[in-house]
Amino acid sequence: MGSRYFGLALNFGTTLAVSVLLLLLGGRWLDAKLGTSPWLMIIGVLLGIAASFKSLFDQLGELERDRREKDKQ
């Protein structure tokens, strides 16, 4: 079970870094095109963080369901 939590932590860190970086860069690019600096970049970072945490909570829910099913057996 410990390796599953390690994998979850590693996955969360990677998801957070990649999603924030991609949405930050996308927001900066759109800000440069639309002249809205820094608003779209900030929104991109916040969306990246939110998406990462949603992914984390979904994965934790799956772990919890698996644990409950295992306890029933």
Protein backbone atom coordinates (compact mmCIF):
# COMPACT_ATOMS: atom_id res chain seq x y z
CA MET A 1 0.00 0.00 0.00
CA GLY A 2 2.91 2.36 0.70
CA SER A 3 4.05 2.22 -2.90
CA ARG A 4 0.59 3.34 -4.02
CA TYR A 5 0.87 6.43 -1.83
CA PHE A 6 4.37 7.12 -3.11
CA GLY A 7 3.06 6.82 -6.67
CA LEU A 8 0.18 9.14 -5.80
CA ALA A 9 2.57 11.75 -4.38
CA LEU A 10 4.87 11.50 -7.37
CA ASN A 11 1.96 11.75 -9.77
CA PHE A 12 0.54 14.77 -7.93
CA GLY A 13 3.87 16.60 -7.99
CA THR A 14 4.33 15.95 -11.68
CA THR A 15 0.74 16.90 -12.50
CA LEU A 16 1.02 20.12 -10.50
CA ALA A 17 4.31 21.18 -12.09
CA VAL A 18 3.29 20.39 -15.66
CA SER A 19 -0.22 21.83 -15.52
CA VAL A 20 0.87 25.05 -13.80
CA LEU A 21 3.78 25.52 -16.19
CA LEU A 22 1.71 24.90 -19.32
CA LEU A 23 -1.15 27.12 -18.23
CA LEU A 24 1.24 29.84 -17.03
CA LEU A 25 2.99 29.88 -20.40
CA GLY A 26 -0.33 29.77 -22.25
CA GLY A 27 -1.62 32.66 -20.15
CA ARG A 28 1.53 34.70 -20.79
CA TRP A 29 1.23 34.07 -24.52
CA LEU A 30 -2.42 35.12 -24.55
CA ASP A 31 -1.62 38.18 -22.40
CA ALA A 32 1.00 39.25 -24.95
CA LYS A 33 -1.46 38.79 -27.83
CA LEU A 34 -4.43 40.43 -26.13
CA GLY A 35 -2.68 43.02 -23.96
CA THR A 36 -4.29 41.75 -20.77
CA SER A 37 -1.11 41.22 -18.76
CA PRO A 38 -0.94 39.68 -16.13
CA TRP A 39 -4.55 38.52 -15.76
CA LEU A 40 -4.63 35.50 -18.07
CA MET A 41 -1.32 34.28 -16.69
CA ILE A 42 -2.72 34.46 -13.13
CA ILE A 43 -5.90 32.70 -14.20
CA GLY A 44 -3.81 30.02 -15.91
CA VAL A 45 -1.77 29.38 -12.77
CA LEU A 46 -4.91 29.16 -10.64
CA LEU A 47 -6.56 26.78 -13.11
CA GLY A 48 -3.44 24.61 -13.13
CA ILE A 49 -3.44 24.40 -9.35
CA ALA A 50 -7.18 23.64 -9.26
CA ALA A 51 -6.85 20.91 -11.90
CA SER A 52 -3.97 19.31 -10.00
CA PHE A 53 -5.90 19.22 -6.74
CA LYS A 54 -8.99 17.84 -8.46
CA SER A 55 -6.85 15.06 -9.88
CA LEU A 56 -5.40 14.40 -6.42
CA PHE A 57 -8.85 14.21 -4.80
CA ASP A 58 -10.11 11.87 -7.55
CA GLN A 59 -7.16 9.55 -7.02
CA LEU A 60 -7.61 9.63 -3.23
CA GLY A 61 -11.26 8.72 -3.73
CA GLU A 62 -10.21 5.71 -5.81
CA LEU A 63 -7.78 4.62 -3.10
CA GLU A 64 -10.51 4.96 -0.48
CA ARG A 65 -12.96 2.89 -2.56
CA ASP A 66 -10.31 0.21 -3.06
CA ARG A 67 -9.60 0.15 0.69
CA ARG A 68 -13.32 -0.19 1.54
CA GLU A 69 -13.74 -3.03 -0.93
CA LYS A 70 -10.70 -4.78 0.50
CA ASP A 71 -12.04 -4.37 4.04
CA LYS A 72 -15.36 -5.96 3.02
CA GLN A 73 -13.64 -9.12 1.80
